[in-house]
Amino acid sequence: MEKELIIRNEILLNAPPEKVWDALTNPGQTEKYMYNCRVATDWKVGSKVDWNYNGVTYVTGSVVSIDAPRKLVYTVFDPLANYRNVPENYLYITYELIPQDGGTLLKVEQGDYAKVEQGEKRYADAPQGWEPVLVEIKKVVEG
């Protein structure tokens, strides 16, 4: 059996889960921390999810499951990358929002890279994972 290649990061935020959820799903908020990209979706299971900046889609995918404001799962794929745009090459993003210490523990997982084309390279290219994005989310929800 292949070893899983999953990026896992978490951060404790001094904000209620509802405010964190809004930051994760509101296009006006996502552009503040996701490299200026606005998310475009209706957040319904099966719906397309695109991350756009200046008319270019940098990441695409679809909503897998949603349980507001506790858990969100969607797939992602870089349409500008040099690998085939097939479902087998999409990664899963999972957000878990856990009330903790009067705030929210936000856990993020991205993977499994072991199951996608060029997975080891893609995994190696993301050494910090979500850490820089989580720092920016913290600024958004606590600011």
N, C-alpha and C. Protein backbone atom coordinates (compact mmCIF):
# COMPACT_ATOMS: atom_id res chain seq x y z
N MET A 1 0.84 -1.20 0.00
CA MET A 1 0.00 0.00 0.00
C MET A 1 0.88 1.25 0.00
N GLU A 2 0.50 2.21 -0.81
CA GLU A 2 1.24 3.46 -0.88
C GLU A 2 1.09 4.27 0.40
N LYS A 3 2.15 4.99 0.72
CA LYS A 3 2.09 5.90 1.85
C LYS A 3 1.28 7.13 1.44
N GLU A 4 0.40 7.59 2.32
CA GLU A 4 -0.37 8.80 2.03
C GLU A 4 0.55 10.02 2.02
N LEU A 5 0.26 10.93 1.14
CA LEU A 5 0.96 12.21 1.09
C LEU A 5 -0.10 13.29 1.26
N ILE A 6 -0.31 13.68 2.50
CA ILE A 6 -1.35 14.65 2.84
C ILE A 6 -0.73 15.80 3.62
N ILE A 7 -1.03 17.00 3.19
CA ILE A 7 -0.61 18.20 3.91
C ILE A 7 -1.65 18.47 4.99
N ARG A 8 -1.17 18.67 6.20
CA ARG A 8 -2.07 18.99 7.32
C ARG A 8 -1.54 20.23 8.05
N ASN A 9 -2.40 21.21 8.21
CA ASN A 9 -2.06 22.41 8.98
C ASN A 9 -3.26 22.77 9.84
N GLU A 10 -2.99 23.49 10.92
CA GLU A 10 -4.08 23.99 11.77
C GLU A 10 -3.65 25.27 12.44
N ILE A 11 -4.66 26.03 12.86
CA ILE A 11 -4.41 27.30 13.55
C ILE A 11 -5.59 27.59 14.47
N LEU A 12 -5.28 28.15 15.63
CA LEU A 12 -6.33 28.58 16.56
C LEU A 12 -6.65 30.04 16.27
N LEU A 13 -7.93 30.31 16.01
CA LEU A 13 -8.37 31.65 15.65
C LEU A 13 -9.26 32.22 16.75
N ASN A 14 -9.05 33.47 17.07
CA ASN A 14 -9.86 34.14 18.09
C ASN A 14 -11.10 34.73 17.42
N ALA A 15 -11.95 33.82 16.94
CA ALA A 15 -13.19 34.21 16.25
C ALA A 15 -14.13 33.01 16.29
N PRO A 16 -15.44 33.25 16.30
CA PRO A 16 -16.39 32.14 16.32
C PRO A 16 -16.40 31.40 14.98
N PRO A 17 -16.82 30.13 14.98
CA PRO A 17 -16.86 29.35 13.75
C PRO A 17 -17.62 30.04 12.61
N GLU A 18 -18.68 30.74 12.92
CA GLU A 18 -19.48 31.40 11.87
C GLU A 18 -18.66 32.46 11.13
N LYS A 19 -17.83 33.18 11.86
CA LYS A 19 -16.99 34.21 11.22
C LYS A 19 -15.90 33.56 10.38
N VAL A 20 -15.33 32.47 10.88
CA VAL A 20 -14.31 31.74 10.12
C VAL A 20 -14.94 31.15 8.86
N TRP A 21 -16.13 30.59 9.01
CA TRP A 21 -16.85 30.01 7.86
C TRP A 21 -17.06 31.07 6.78
N ASP A 22 -17.47 32.25 7.20
CA ASP A 22 -17.67 33.34 6.24
C ASP A 22 -16.37 33.66 5.51
N ALA A 23 -15.26 33.67 6.23
CA ALA A 23 -13.97 33.95 5.59
C ALA A 23 -13.62 32.87 4.56
N LEU A 24 -14.00 31.64 4.83
CA LEU A 24 -13.67 30.54 3.93
C LEU A 24 -14.55 30.48 2.69
N THR A 25 -15.77 31.02 2.78
CA THR A 25 -16.74 30.83 1.71
C THR A 25 -17.20 32.10 1.01
N ASN A 26 -16.89 33.25 1.55
CA ASN A 26 -17.35 34.52 1.00
C ASN A 26 -16.30 35.07 0.03
N PRO A 27 -16.65 35.26 -1.25
CA PRO A 27 -15.67 35.74 -2.24
C PRO A 27 -14.98 37.05 -1.84
N GLY A 28 -15.72 37.93 -1.17
CA GLY A 28 -15.13 39.19 -0.73
C GLY A 28 -14.09 39.00 0.34
N GLN A 29 -14.17 37.90 1.05
CA GLN A 29 -13.17 37.59 2.09
C GLN A 29 -12.01 36.77 1.52
N THR A 30 -12.31 35.82 0.62
CA THR A 30 -11.25 34.93 0.13
C THR A 30 -10.14 35.69 -0.59
N GLU A 31 -10.51 36.75 -1.27
CA GLU A 31 -9.47 37.50 -2.00
C GLU A 31 -8.50 38.21 -1.06
N LYS A 32 -8.86 38.33 0.22
CA LYS A 32 -7.97 38.97 1.20
C LYS A 32 -6.83 38.06 1.64
N TYR A 33 -7.00 36.76 1.50
CA TYR A 33 -5.96 35.84 1.97
C TYR A 33 -5.53 34.80 0.94
N MET A 34 -6.29 34.59 -0.12
CA MET A 34 -5.98 33.53 -1.09
C MET A 34 -5.36 34.13 -2.35
N TYR A 35 -4.28 34.88 -2.14
CA TYR A 35 -3.50 35.43 -3.26
C TYR A 35 -4.37 36.23 -4.22
N ASN A 36 -5.28 37.03 -3.66
CA ASN A 36 -6.20 37.91 -4.40
C ASN A 36 -7.27 37.17 -5.20
N CYS A 37 -7.38 35.86 -5.03
CA CYS A 37 -8.38 35.09 -5.77
C CYS A 37 -9.73 35.14 -5.06
N ARG A 38 -10.76 35.33 -5.86
CA ARG A 38 -12.14 35.28 -5.37
C ARG A 38 -12.70 33.90 -5.70
N VAL A 39 -13.35 33.29 -4.73
CA VAL A 39 -13.96 32.00 -4.98
C VAL A 39 -15.30 32.23 -5.68
N ALA A 40 -15.59 31.40 -6.66
CA ALA A 40 -16.86 31.48 -7.40
C ALA A 40 -17.55 30.13 -7.32
N THR A 41 -18.65 30.09 -6.56
CA THR A 41 -19.44 28.87 -6.40
C THR A 41 -20.72 29.22 -5.65
N ASP A 42 -21.67 28.29 -5.67
CA ASP A 42 -22.87 28.48 -4.83
C ASP A 42 -22.79 27.61 -3.58
N TRP A 43 -21.70 26.91 -3.39
CA TRP A 43 -21.44 26.05 -2.23
C TRP A 43 -22.51 24.98 -2.04
N LYS A 44 -22.97 24.40 -3.13
CA LYS A 44 -23.88 23.26 -3.08
C LYS A 44 -23.12 22.02 -3.53
N VAL A 45 -23.40 20.87 -2.91
CA VAL A 45 -22.70 19.64 -3.25
C VAL A 45 -22.82 19.37 -4.75
N GLY A 46 -21.69 19.11 -5.37
CA GLY A 46 -21.63 18.86 -6.81
C GLY A 46 -21.35 20.09 -7.64
N SER A 47 -21.48 21.28 -7.05
CA SER A 47 -21.25 22.52 -7.80
C SER A 47 -19.76 22.76 -8.04
N LYS A 48 -19.50 23.45 -9.13
CA LYS A 48 -18.15 23.82 -9.49
C LYS A 48 -17.63 24.89 -8.52
N VAL A 49 -16.32 24.83 -8.24
CA VAL A 49 -15.64 25.83 -7.42
C VAL A 49 -14.46 26.34 -8.23
N ASP A 50 -14.42 27.64 -8.48
CA ASP A 50 -13.29 28.24 -9.20
C ASP A 50 -12.68 29.34 -8.34
N TRP A 51 -11.36 29.44 -8.40
CA TRP A 51 -10.62 30.51 -7.74
C TRP A 51 -10.06 31.38 -8.84
N ASN A 52 -10.58 32.62 -8.95
CA ASN A 52 -10.27 33.50 -10.07
C ASN A 52 -9.57 34.78 -9.63
N TYR A 53 -8.67 35.25 -10.51
CA TYR A 53 -8.02 36.54 -10.31
C TYR A 53 -7.83 37.17 -11.68
N ASN A 54 -8.33 38.37 -11.83
CA ASN A 54 -8.22 39.11 -13.10
C ASN A 54 -8.67 38.30 -14.30
N GLY A 55 -9.77 37.60 -14.14
CA GLY A 55 -10.36 36.85 -15.24
C GLY A 55 -9.70 35.51 -15.55
N VAL A 56 -8.71 35.12 -14.75
CA VAL A 56 -8.02 33.85 -14.95
C VAL A 56 -8.40 32.90 -13.82
N THR A 57 -8.74 31.65 -14.17
CA THR A 57 -9.03 30.63 -13.16
C THR A 57 -7.72 29.92 -12.84
N TYR A 58 -7.27 30.06 -11.59
CA TYR A 58 -6.02 29.45 -11.16
C TYR A 58 -6.24 28.09 -10.52
N VAL A 59 -7.42 27.89 -9.96
CA VAL A 59 -7.77 26.61 -9.34
C VAL A 59 -9.23 26.34 -9.64
N THR A 60 -9.52 25.08 -9.97
CA THR A 60 -10.90 24.68 -10.20
C THR A 60 -11.16 23.38 -9.45
N GLY A 61 -12.42 23.07 -9.24
CA GLY A 61 -12.79 21.84 -8.55
C GLY A 61 -14.28 21.79 -8.36
N SER A 62 -14.71 21.02 -7.36
CA SER A 62 -16.14 20.94 -7.08
C SER A 62 -16.37 20.66 -5.60
N VAL A 63 -17.56 21.02 -5.13
CA VAL A 63 -17.94 20.82 -3.74
C VAL A 63 -18.27 19.35 -3.52
N VAL A 64 -17.65 18.74 -2.52
CA VAL A 64 -17.87 17.34 -2.20
C VAL A 64 -18.88 17.20 -1.07
N SER A 65 -18.67 17.96 0.02
CA SER A 65 -19.63 17.94 1.13
C SER A 65 -19.54 19.25 1.89
N ILE A 66 -20.65 19.59 2.54
CA ILE A 66 -20.72 20.85 3.27
C ILE A 66 -21.61 20.67 4.49
N ASP A 67 -21.10 21.11 5.63
CA ASP A 67 -21.82 21.05 6.90
C ASP A 67 -21.50 22.34 7.66
N ALA A 68 -22.15 23.43 7.23
CA ALA A 68 -21.86 24.75 7.80
C ALA A 68 -22.28 24.82 9.27
N PRO A 69 -21.51 25.46 10.10
CA PRO A 69 -20.15 25.99 9.93
C PRO A 69 -19.09 25.05 10.51
N ARG A 70 -19.22 23.75 10.24
CA ARG A 70 -18.30 22.79 10.86
C ARG A 70 -17.30 22.15 9.90
N LYS A 71 -17.75 21.80 8.71
CA LYS A 71 -16.86 21.06 7.81
C LYS A 71 -17.20 21.35 6.35
N LEU A 72 -16.15 21.50 5.54
CA LEU A 72 -16.29 21.75 4.12
C LEU A 72 -15.24 20.92 3.40
N VAL A 73 -15.67 20.21 2.37
CA VAL A 73 -14.74 19.42 1.55
C VAL A 73 -14.99 19.77 0.08
N TYR A 74 -13.91 20.07 -0.64
CA TYR A 74 -14.01 20.30 -2.08
C TYR A 74 -12.74 19.80 -2.75
N THR A 75 -12.82 19.60 -4.05
CA THR A 75 -11.65 19.18 -4.80
C THR A 75 -10.99 20.38 -5.45
N VAL A 76 -9.70 20.22 -5.79
CA VAL A 76 -8.96 21.29 -6.46
C VAL A 76 -8.06 20.70 -7.54
N PHE A 77 -7.88 21.51 -8.58
CA PHE A 77 -7.00 21.17 -9.69
C PHE A 77 -6.49 22.47 -10.29
N ASP A 78 -5.22 22.49 -10.66
CA ASP A 78 -4.62 23.66 -11.30
C ASP A 78 -4.74 23.50 -12.82
N PRO A 79 -5.66 24.22 -13.45
CA PRO A 79 -5.87 24.07 -14.89
C PRO A 79 -4.69 24.57 -15.74
N LEU A 80 -3.76 25.28 -15.12
CA LEU A 80 -2.60 25.78 -15.84
C LEU A 80 -1.39 24.84 -15.73
N ALA A 81 -1.57 23.74 -15.01
CA ALA A 81 -0.47 22.80 -14.76
C ALA A 81 -0.25 21.86 -15.95
N ASN A 82 0.85 21.14 -15.89
CA ASN A 82 1.23 20.24 -16.97
C ASN A 82 0.86 18.79 -16.68
N TYR A 83 -0.33 18.56 -16.16
CA TYR A 83 -0.82 17.20 -16.00
C TYR A 83 -2.28 17.16 -16.43
N ARG A 84 -2.74 15.95 -16.68
CA ARG A 84 -4.06 15.78 -17.28
C ARG A 84 -5.18 16.26 -16.34
N ASN A 85 -6.14 16.97 -16.93
CA ASN A 85 -7.31 17.43 -16.19
C ASN A 85 -8.36 16.32 -16.20
N VAL A 86 -8.16 15.37 -15.30
CA VAL A 86 -9.07 14.25 -15.11
C VAL A 86 -9.36 14.13 -13.62
N PRO A 87 -10.51 13.61 -13.25
CA PRO A 87 -10.87 13.53 -11.82
C PRO A 87 -9.81 12.87 -10.94
N GLU A 88 -9.07 11.91 -11.50
CA GLU A 88 -8.05 11.21 -10.72
C GLU A 88 -6.91 12.12 -10.30
N ASN A 89 -6.77 13.28 -10.94
CA ASN A 89 -5.68 14.21 -10.61
C ASN A 89 -6.11 15.35 -9.69
N TYR A 90 -7.35 15.33 -9.25
CA TYR A 90 -7.83 16.36 -8.34
C TYR A 90 -7.46 15.99 -6.91
N LEU A 91 -7.09 16.99 -6.13
CA LEU A 91 -6.81 16.82 -4.71
C LEU A 91 -8.04 17.23 -3.91
N TYR A 92 -8.13 16.75 -2.68
CA TYR A 92 -9.22 17.10 -1.78
C TYR A 92 -8.73 18.10 -0.75
N ILE A 93 -9.54 19.14 -0.54
CA ILE A 93 -9.31 20.10 0.54
C ILE A 93 -10.40 19.87 1.57
N THR A 94 -10.01 19.71 2.83
CA THR A 94 -10.97 19.55 3.91
C THR A 94 -10.70 20.60 4.97
N TYR A 95 -11.72 21.40 5.27
CA TYR A 95 -11.66 22.35 6.38
C TYR A 95 -12.51 21.78 7.51
N GLU A 96 -11.96 21.75 8.71
CA GLU A 96 -12.74 21.42 9.90
C GLU A 96 -12.65 22.60 10.85
N LEU A 97 -13.79 23.05 11.34
CA LEU A 97 -13.86 24.17 12.27
C LEU A 97 -14.35 23.63 13.60
N ILE A 98 -13.50 23.70 14.62
CA ILE A 98 -13.79 23.11 15.92
C ILE A 98 -13.80 24.22 16.97
N PRO A 99 -14.94 24.46 17.63
CA PRO A 99 -14.95 25.46 18.69
C PRO A 99 -13.94 25.07 19.78
N GLN A 100 -13.11 26.05 20.18
CA GLN A 100 -12.08 25.76 21.18
C GLN A 100 -11.64 27.04 21.86
N ASP A 101 -11.60 27.00 23.17
CA ASP A 101 -11.09 28.12 23.97
C ASP A 101 -11.73 29.46 23.59
N GLY A 102 -13.03 29.47 23.31
CA GLY A 102 -13.73 30.69 22.95
C GLY A 102 -13.48 31.13 21.52
N GLY A 103 -12.74 30.36 20.77
CA GLY A 103 -12.46 30.67 19.37
C GLY A 103 -12.72 29.46 18.50
N THR A 104 -11.93 29.30 17.45
CA THR A 104 -12.11 28.20 16.51
C THR A 104 -10.76 27.62 16.14
N LEU A 105 -10.65 26.31 16.28
CA LEU A 105 -9.49 25.61 15.75
C LEU A 105 -9.83 25.26 14.31
N LEU A 106 -9.06 25.81 13.37
CA LEU A 106 -9.26 25.53 11.95
C LEU A 106 -8.21 24.53 11.51
N LYS A 107 -8.68 23.36 11.07
CA LYS A 107 -7.80 22.32 10.55
C LYS A 107 -8.01 22.24 9.04
N VAL A 108 -6.89 22.14 8.31
CA VAL A 108 -6.96 22.04 6.85
C VAL A 108 -6.12 20.84 6.43
N GLU A 109 -6.70 20.02 5.55
CA GLU A 109 -5.97 18.91 4.94
C GLU A 109 -6.05 19.06 3.43
N GLN A 110 -4.94 18.73 2.75
CA GLN A 110 -4.93 18.73 1.29
C GLN A 110 -4.22 17.46 0.82
N GLY A 111 -4.89 16.69 -0.02
CA GLY A 111 -4.28 15.45 -0.52
C GLY A 111 -5.32 14.58 -1.17
N ASP A 112 -5.06 13.42 -1.40
CA ASP A 112 -3.85 12.69 -1.16
C ASP A 112 -2.98 12.74 -2.41
N TYR A 113 -1.81 13.33 -2.27
CA TYR A 113 -0.90 13.49 -3.40
C TYR A 113 -0.40 12.15 -3.94
N ALA A 114 -0.40 11.12 -3.09
CA ALA A 114 0.08 9.80 -3.53
C ALA A 114 -0.82 9.20 -4.61
N LYS A 115 -2.02 9.73 -4.78
CA LYS A 115 -2.98 9.17 -5.72
C LYS A 115 -3.10 9.94 -7.02
N VAL A 116 -2.30 11.01 -7.19
CA VAL A 116 -2.43 11.84 -8.38
C VAL A 116 -1.14 11.83 -9.20
N GLU A 117 -1.29 12.18 -10.47
CA GLU A 117 -0.15 12.28 -11.38
C GLU A 117 0.85 13.30 -10.85
N GLN A 118 2.12 12.97 -10.90
CA GLN A 118 3.20 13.83 -10.40
C GLN A 118 3.00 14.19 -8.92
N GLY A 119 2.37 13.29 -8.19
CA GLY A 119 2.01 13.56 -6.80
C GLY A 119 3.17 13.88 -5.90
N GLU A 120 4.26 13.14 -6.01
CA GLU A 120 5.41 13.41 -5.14
C GLU A 120 6.00 14.78 -5.43
N LYS A 121 6.07 15.16 -6.69
CA LYS A 121 6.58 16.49 -7.05
C LYS A 121 5.64 17.57 -6.56
N ARG A 122 4.35 17.38 -6.76
CA ARG A 122 3.36 18.37 -6.32
C ARG A 122 3.41 18.52 -4.80
N TYR A 123 3.58 17.42 -4.09
CA TYR A 123 3.68 17.44 -2.64
C TYR A 123 4.94 18.18 -2.21
N ALA A 124 6.05 17.89 -2.85
CA ALA A 124 7.33 18.53 -2.52
C ALA A 124 7.30 20.03 -2.81
N ASP A 125 6.51 20.45 -3.79
CA ASP A 125 6.42 21.87 -4.15
C ASP A 125 5.59 22.68 -3.16
N ALA A 126 4.97 22.01 -2.19
CA ALA A 126 4.13 22.70 -1.21
C ALA A 126 4.63 22.44 0.21
N PRO A 127 5.91 22.75 0.51
CA PRO A 127 6.48 22.37 1.80
C PRO A 127 5.83 23.01 3.01
N GLN A 128 5.34 24.23 2.89
CA GLN A 128 4.68 24.89 4.02
C GLN A 128 3.19 24.60 4.06
N GLY A 129 2.69 24.00 3.00
CA GLY A 129 1.27 23.71 2.96
C GLY A 129 0.44 24.97 3.09
N TRP A 130 -0.51 24.93 3.98
CA TRP A 130 -1.46 26.03 4.16
C TRP A 130 -1.00 27.07 5.17
N GLU A 131 0.17 26.88 5.78
CA GLU A 131 0.60 27.77 6.85
C GLU A 131 0.54 29.26 6.48
N PRO A 132 1.09 29.69 5.33
CA PRO A 132 1.00 31.12 4.99
C PRO A 132 -0.43 31.61 4.80
N VAL A 133 -1.29 30.77 4.24
CA VAL A 133 -2.69 31.15 4.04
C VAL A 133 -3.40 31.25 5.39
N LEU A 134 -3.12 30.32 6.29
CA LEU A 134 -3.77 30.35 7.61
C LEU A 134 -3.39 31.60 8.40
N VAL A 135 -2.16 32.04 8.27
CA VAL A 135 -1.73 33.28 8.93
C VAL A 135 -2.56 34.45 8.40
N GLU A 136 -2.82 34.47 7.10
CA GLU A 136 -3.61 35.55 6.51
C GLU A 136 -5.09 35.43 6.90
N ILE A 137 -5.62 34.21 6.98
CA ILE A 137 -6.98 34.03 7.45
C ILE A 137 -7.13 34.56 8.87
N LYS A 138 -6.13 34.31 9.70
CA LYS A 138 -6.14 34.80 11.08
C LYS A 138 -6.27 36.33 11.10
N LYS A 139 -5.53 37.00 10.23
CA LYS A 139 -5.61 38.46 10.16
C LYS A 139 -7.01 38.91 9.75
N VAL A 140 -7.62 38.20 8.82
CA VAL A 140 -8.95 38.56 8.33
C VAL A 140 -9.99 38.41 9.43
N VAL A 141 -9.99 37.27 10.12
CA VAL A 141 -11.07 37.01 11.09
C VAL A 141 -10.84 37.68 12.43
N GLU A 142 -9.61 38.04 12.73
CA GLU A 142 -9.34 38.69 14.02
C GLU A 142 -9.16 40.19 13.90
N GLY A 143 -9.03 40.67 12.64
CA GLY A 143 -8.76 42.08 12.42
C GLY A 143 -9.92 42.99 12.62
